[in-house]
Protein backbone atom coordinates (compact mmCIF):
# COMPACT_ATOMS: atom_id res chain seq x y z
CA MET A 1 20.80 67.96 -5.97
CA GLU A 2 19.46 68.58 -9.46
CA LYS A 3 21.32 71.17 -11.48
CA ARG A 4 21.32 71.73 -15.23
CA CYS A 5 24.17 73.82 -16.61
CA ILE A 6 23.08 76.04 -19.49
CA SER A 7 26.26 78.03 -20.19
CA VAL A 8 29.80 78.90 -19.12
CA SER A 9 31.39 82.33 -19.02
CA ALA A 10 34.96 83.47 -18.39
CA LEU A 11 36.14 86.02 -15.82
CA SER A 12 39.13 88.32 -16.21
CA SER A 13 40.69 86.55 -13.23
CA GLY A 14 41.02 83.34 -15.25
CA SER A 15 38.21 81.59 -13.40
CA HIS A 16 34.95 80.52 -15.03
CA VAL A 17 31.32 80.78 -14.02
CA LEU A 18 28.81 77.98 -14.53
CA HIS A 19 25.26 79.23 -15.13
CA PHE A 20 22.39 76.91 -14.19
CA ALA A 21 18.80 76.69 -15.35
CA ASP A 22 17.49 77.68 -11.91
CA GLY A 23 19.33 81.02 -12.11
CA SER A 24 22.16 80.06 -9.78
CA THR A 25 25.85 80.32 -10.64
CA TYR A 26 29.09 78.76 -9.46
CA GLU A 27 32.63 80.07 -9.91
CA ALA A 28 35.44 77.57 -10.44
CA ASP A 29 39.17 77.57 -11.15
CA LEU A 30 38.71 74.55 -13.43
CA VAL A 31 35.65 73.25 -15.29
CA ILE A 32 35.57 69.62 -16.46
CA GLY A 33 32.82 69.00 -18.99
CA ALA A 34 31.64 65.42 -18.64
CA ASP A 35 28.10 66.24 -19.72
CA GLY A 36 27.73 63.73 -22.52
CA ILE A 37 26.85 63.76 -26.18
CA LYS A 38 24.58 66.82 -25.85
CA SER A 39 27.25 68.73 -23.93
CA VAL A 40 26.69 72.38 -23.03
CA ILE A 41 30.32 72.80 -21.98
CA ARG A 42 31.47 71.77 -25.47
CA GLU A 43 30.10 74.94 -27.03
CA PHE A 44 32.29 77.06 -24.74
CA VAL A 45 35.37 75.02 -25.66
CA THR A 46 34.75 75.26 -29.41
CA GLY A 47 33.40 78.81 -29.36
CA ARG A 48 30.54 77.80 -31.65
CA PRO A 49 27.66 75.34 -31.85
CA THR A 50 29.03 71.90 -32.64
CA SER A 51 27.49 69.43 -34.98
CA LEU A 52 25.92 66.24 -33.69
CA VAL A 53 24.95 64.37 -36.80
CA TYR A 54 22.65 61.43 -37.36
CA SER A 55 24.63 58.55 -38.82
CA ASN A 56 21.64 57.20 -40.78
CA SER A 57 21.86 54.11 -38.57
CA VAL A 58 19.42 52.81 -35.99
CA ALA A 59 19.98 50.11 -33.41
CA TYR A 60 17.16 47.88 -32.19
CA ARG A 61 18.05 46.50 -28.78
CA SER A 62 16.59 43.74 -26.66
CA VAL A 63 17.58 41.35 -23.89
CA VAL A 64 16.12 37.85 -24.03
CA SER A 65 16.42 34.62 -22.11
CA PRO A 66 18.83 32.05 -23.59
CA GLU A 67 16.13 29.41 -23.09
CA ALA A 68 14.07 31.20 -25.75
CA LEU A 69 16.90 30.69 -28.24
CA LYS A 70 17.48 26.96 -27.77
CA GLY A 71 16.18 26.35 -31.28
CA VAL A 72 19.02 28.46 -32.69
CA LYS A 73 21.78 26.28 -34.15
CA THR A 74 24.49 28.96 -33.93
CA ASP A 75 26.58 28.91 -30.74
CA MET A 76 25.18 31.96 -28.97
CA MET A 77 27.39 31.59 -25.89
CA ARG A 78 30.10 33.78 -27.39
CA PRO A 79 30.16 37.31 -28.82
CA LEU A 80 29.01 37.31 -32.44
CA CYS A 81 28.78 39.81 -35.28
CA TRP A 82 26.36 38.83 -38.05
CA ILE A 83 27.22 40.71 -41.25
CA GLY A 84 24.92 41.84 -44.07
CA LYS A 85 24.45 44.61 -46.61
CA ASP A 86 23.61 47.85 -44.73
CA LYS A 87 22.72 45.77 -41.66
CA HIS A 88 24.52 43.83 -38.97
CA ILE A 89 23.71 42.12 -35.70
CA ILE A 90 25.68 41.98 -32.45
CA SER A 91 24.87 39.30 -29.87
CA TYR A 92 26.58 38.31 -26.63
CA PRO A 93 25.68 36.70 -23.28
CA VAL A 94 25.38 38.73 -20.09
CA GLN A 95 24.84 37.62 -16.52
CA ALA A 96 21.46 38.06 -14.90
CA ASN A 97 20.86 41.45 -13.28
CA GLN A 98 24.17 42.85 -14.51
CA LYS A 99 24.57 45.45 -17.23
CA VAL A 100 28.11 44.45 -18.15
CA ARG A 101 29.57 42.25 -20.83
CA SER A 102 30.33 38.81 -19.44
CA PHE A 103 32.12 36.52 -21.82
CA TYR A 104 33.52 34.12 -19.23
CA ILE A 105 30.47 32.51 -17.67
CA SER A 106 29.92 28.87 -18.45
CA GLU A 107 27.32 27.82 -20.99
CA ALA A 108 25.34 26.01 -18.29
CA ASP A 109 25.33 29.04 -16.00
CA SER A 110 24.33 31.29 -18.89
CA PHE A 111 21.31 29.19 -19.72
CA ASN A 112 20.32 28.92 -16.06
CA SER A 113 20.66 32.53 -14.98
CA GLY A 114 21.91 34.72 -17.81
CA LYS A 115 20.50 36.79 -20.61
CA MET A 116 21.35 37.40 -24.24
CA ASN A 117 21.98 40.98 -25.32
CA LEU A 118 20.86 41.50 -28.93
CA VAL A 119 21.46 44.58 -31.07
CA PHE A 120 20.19 44.77 -34.65
CA PHE A 121 21.68 47.63 -36.69
CA SER A 122 20.15 49.01 -39.88
CA THR A 123 21.54 51.81 -42.04
CA ASP A 124 20.12 53.91 -44.87
CA SER A 125 23.24 54.34 -47.01
CA SER A 126 21.35 56.08 -49.81
CA VAL A 127 21.72 59.53 -48.21
CA PRO A 128 24.81 61.35 -46.89
CA MET A 129 25.55 61.19 -43.18
CA GLY A 130 24.24 64.30 -41.46
CA SER A 131 21.63 65.09 -44.11
CA VAL A 132 18.71 63.89 -41.95
CA ASP A 133 17.60 65.55 -38.71
CA VAL A 134 15.97 63.28 -36.15
CA PRO A 135 13.66 64.86 -33.57
CA LEU A 136 14.05 63.94 -29.92
CA PRO A 137 13.92 61.48 -28.27
CA TRP A 138 16.73 59.56 -29.93
CA ALA A 139 15.86 56.39 -28.00
CA LYS A 140 12.31 55.09 -27.80
CA PRO A 141 10.26 51.88 -27.82
CA ALA A 142 9.74 50.15 -31.16
CA SER A 143 7.35 47.45 -32.30
CA GLN A 144 8.38 43.95 -33.15
CA ASP A 145 6.61 44.38 -36.48
CA GLU A 146 8.90 47.28 -37.37
CA LEU A 147 11.97 45.21 -36.52
CA LEU A 148 10.70 42.24 -38.52
CA HIS A 149 10.09 44.52 -41.49
CA GLU A 150 13.63 45.95 -41.30
CA PHE A 151 15.12 42.45 -41.48
CA SER A 152 12.54 40.84 -43.75
CA GLU A 153 14.72 40.51 -46.85
CA ALA A 154 16.03 37.10 -47.80
CA GLY A 155 19.47 35.94 -46.82
CA TRP A 156 19.55 36.28 -43.04
CA GLY A 157 18.82 32.62 -42.40
CA GLU A 158 16.61 30.64 -40.06
CA ASP A 159 18.59 31.43 -36.89
CA THR A 160 18.04 35.15 -37.36
CA LYS A 161 14.33 34.60 -37.90
CA LEU A 162 14.12 32.64 -34.64
CA ILE A 163 15.96 35.38 -32.75
CA LEU A 164 13.73 38.11 -34.19
CA LYS A 165 10.61 36.27 -33.03
CA GLU A 166 11.87 36.49 -29.44
CA MET A 167 12.53 40.23 -29.51
CA LYS A 168 9.04 41.15 -28.33
CA ASP A 169 9.62 44.71 -27.10
CA PRO A 170 12.76 46.18 -28.70
CA SER A 171 13.97 49.70 -28.12
CA LYS A 172 15.11 51.84 -31.06
CA TRP A 173 18.18 54.06 -30.88
CA TYR A 174 19.01 56.69 -33.51
CA LEU A 175 22.82 56.69 -33.56
CA HIS A 176 24.49 60.10 -33.53
CA LEU A 177 28.11 61.17 -33.40
CA LEU A 178 30.17 64.33 -33.15
CA HIS A 179 31.18 65.27 -36.69
CA PRO A 180 33.56 66.72 -37.60
CA SER A 181 35.84 65.72 -34.74
CA LEU A 182 37.08 68.44 -32.40
CA THR A 183 40.61 69.73 -32.89
CA SER A 184 40.98 70.53 -29.18
CA TYR A 185 39.30 69.44 -25.96
CA VAL A 186 40.52 72.47 -24.00
CA ARG A 187 39.83 76.19 -23.96
CA GLN A 188 41.31 78.34 -21.21
CA ARG A 189 40.63 76.31 -18.03
CA VAL A 190 37.68 74.37 -19.37
CA VAL A 191 38.29 70.78 -20.50
CA LEU A 192 36.13 68.06 -22.05
CA VAL A 193 36.10 64.33 -21.33
CA GLY A 194 34.08 61.40 -22.66
CA ASP A 195 31.23 61.87 -25.11
CA ALA A 196 31.39 65.63 -24.60
CA ALA A 197 34.78 65.49 -26.33
CA HIS A 198 34.44 62.65 -28.85
CA ALA A 199 30.94 61.15 -29.09
CA MET A 200 31.34 58.18 -31.40
CA LEU A 201 29.44 55.26 -32.88
CA PRO A 202 29.43 52.00 -30.87
CA HIS A 203 30.96 49.71 -33.47
CA LEU A 204 34.25 49.08 -31.65
CA GLY A 205 32.66 49.05 -28.19
CA ALA A 206 35.28 51.65 -27.26
CA GLY A 207 33.42 54.88 -26.48
CA ALA A 208 33.24 54.37 -22.71
CA GLY A 209 36.82 53.12 -22.69
CA GLN A 210 38.01 56.34 -24.30
CA GLY A 211 36.19 58.29 -21.61
CA MET A 212 38.04 56.26 -18.98
CA GLU A 213 41.33 56.98 -20.72
CA ASP A 214 40.48 60.71 -20.66
CA VAL A 215 39.82 60.61 -16.94
CA TYR A 216 42.94 58.57 -16.20
CA ALA A 217 45.10 61.05 -18.09
CA LEU A 218 43.45 64.12 -16.55
CA CYS A 219 43.52 62.76 -12.98
CA SER A 220 47.18 61.78 -13.36
CA LEU A 221 48.09 65.26 -14.58
CA LEU A 222 46.05 67.14 -11.99
CA GLY A 223 46.64 64.72 -9.12
CA ASP A 224 50.43 64.77 -9.14
CA ALA A 225 51.79 65.55 -5.68
CA ARG A 226 53.56 68.63 -7.07
CA ALA A 227 50.49 70.08 -8.77
CA GLN A 228 49.51 73.63 -7.91
CA LYS A 229 47.10 76.10 -9.41
CA CYS A 230 49.92 77.62 -11.45
CA HIS A 231 50.30 74.27 -13.27
CA LEU A 232 46.73 74.13 -14.56
CA ASP A 233 47.41 75.58 -18.00
CA ASP A 234 50.38 73.31 -18.67
CA ALA A 235 48.53 70.25 -17.37
CA LEU A 236 45.56 70.92 -19.65
CA LYS A 237 47.88 71.50 -22.60
CA ALA A 238 49.56 68.15 -21.92
CA TYR A 239 46.14 66.46 -21.67
CA ASP A 240 45.10 67.93 -25.01
CA SER A 241 48.35 66.88 -26.64
CA ILE A 242 47.78 63.16 -25.96
CA ARG A 243 44.01 62.74 -25.90
CA VAL A 244 42.80 64.47 -29.07
CA ALA A 245 44.74 62.35 -31.54
CA ARG A 246 44.08 59.12 -29.66
CA ALA A 247 40.34 59.50 -29.04
CA ASN A 248 39.66 60.97 -32.48
CA MET A 249 41.43 58.00 -34.07
CA VAL A 250 39.18 55.60 -32.17
CA GLN A 251 36.14 57.68 -33.15
CA THR A 252 37.09 57.47 -36.84
CA MET A 253 37.85 53.76 -36.66
CA SER A 254 34.48 53.11 -34.98
CA THR A 255 32.72 54.63 -37.98
CA ILE A 256 34.87 52.62 -40.38
CA ALA A 257 34.17 49.40 -38.45
CA GLY A 258 30.42 49.92 -38.85
CA ASN A 259 30.91 50.40 -42.57
CA ILE A 260 32.92 47.19 -42.79
CA TYR A 261 30.32 45.20 -40.84
CA GLU A 262 27.72 46.34 -43.37
CA LYS A 263 29.84 45.70 -46.49
CA ARG A 264 30.58 49.37 -47.18
CA GLY A 265 34.20 49.20 -46.07
CA PRO A 266 37.03 50.74 -48.11
CA GLY A 267 38.47 47.31 -48.87
CA GLY A 268 35.39 45.70 -50.42
CA GLY A 269 32.58 43.47 -49.22
CA THR A 270 33.52 39.88 -50.04
CA ASN A 271 34.12 37.51 -47.14
CA ALA A 272 37.86 37.46 -47.79
CA GLN A 273 37.98 41.27 -47.97
CA LEU A 274 35.97 41.60 -44.76
CA ARG A 275 38.34 39.28 -42.90
CA GLU A 276 41.34 41.26 -44.12
CA GLN A 277 39.84 44.58 -43.00
CA LEU A 278 38.74 43.30 -39.61
CA LYS A 279 41.70 41.16 -38.55
CA ALA A 280 43.65 44.02 -36.92
CA ILE A 281 40.99 46.69 -36.43
CA TYR A 282 40.93 46.32 -32.64
CA HIS A 283 44.70 46.26 -32.23
CA PRO A 284 45.28 50.03 -31.82
CA VAL A 285 42.39 50.22 -29.35
CA TRP A 286 43.47 47.36 -27.11
CA HIS A 287 47.25 47.48 -27.47
CA HIS A 288 48.11 51.03 -26.50
CA ASP A 289 50.49 51.85 -23.64
CA LEU A 290 48.37 54.50 -22.00
CA LYS A 291 50.30 54.38 -18.74
CA GLU A 292 53.60 55.16 -20.45
CA GLU A 293 52.02 57.89 -22.56
CA VAL A 294 50.53 59.56 -19.49
CA LYS A 295 53.80 59.16 -17.59
CA ARG A 296 55.57 61.15 -20.30
CA ALA A 297 52.84 63.80 -20.22
CA VAL A 298 53.17 64.17 -16.44
CA ALA A 299 56.94 64.47 -16.79
CA SER A 300 56.51 67.21 -19.41
CA VAL A 301 54.64 69.30 -16.84
CA TYR A 302 56.37 68.51 -13.55
CA GLY A 303 59.63 66.82 -14.47
CA PRO A 304 60.56 63.12 -14.49
CA ARG A 305 59.77 62.44 -10.84
CA GLY A 306 56.03 62.04 -11.43
CA VAL A 307 54.69 58.88 -9.84
CA LEU A 308 51.64 57.13 -11.29
């Protein structure tokens, strides 16, 4: 079934109506907006058009065979971040026919059956973020010549040149984010999750993870055995109370991480300064007791007997 939601309206009963491009409608007690970075549901929640801004960064992406990179002296069988002024490179091995990160395959297996995921980032830091509008599509094919030109300046080294020569058909992604961040993900009985709530830059690899945290929190609050329709408002309030601060923090830190990778970080751009800024940047993302936080939120709605 193909349906494209174009708007949401509220009824005096407290329910909401989804309006679709084909003229059909659907009434619901609860609307969960998981409709991505270009969310339609978001505009109902905020009550105004929200600002997706171009970050002035593009990402050139390609997947190549490890055999093609055997001339590269750098150990490519581990995740790497190559740092430069207004540019950086992310590389890591993935298994064949799988679109997931795979850091635990052996070097031999990687060269026999795996692929190398390569992402080359380039930023124009001469203009303010949000000052440039990029027409759709925001992802499209790019030429190898364009990529070579972007990384033609001296200083990237022979390994980078060898890698670039193997990126025959890169794709080009214009990186956007939601800016400024939302102050709430809930309005009435309409709630946002994932990129609809907190579209962020990819520099901590945490955007999808925050969407999963949203869903875990929301499902725990709505799926409690004691949940009834009369609990909806309190459950959504509890969701908003824990998710906005957490996801917005990760969104902000993702932007900061990209600046650090490209020597625009708040702590300076020398190697020693970069190490200092990066050494704990992932800690609040990875080391967060989500289960305990959600347990407390469930208890605030239903009492301490909530079982996760």
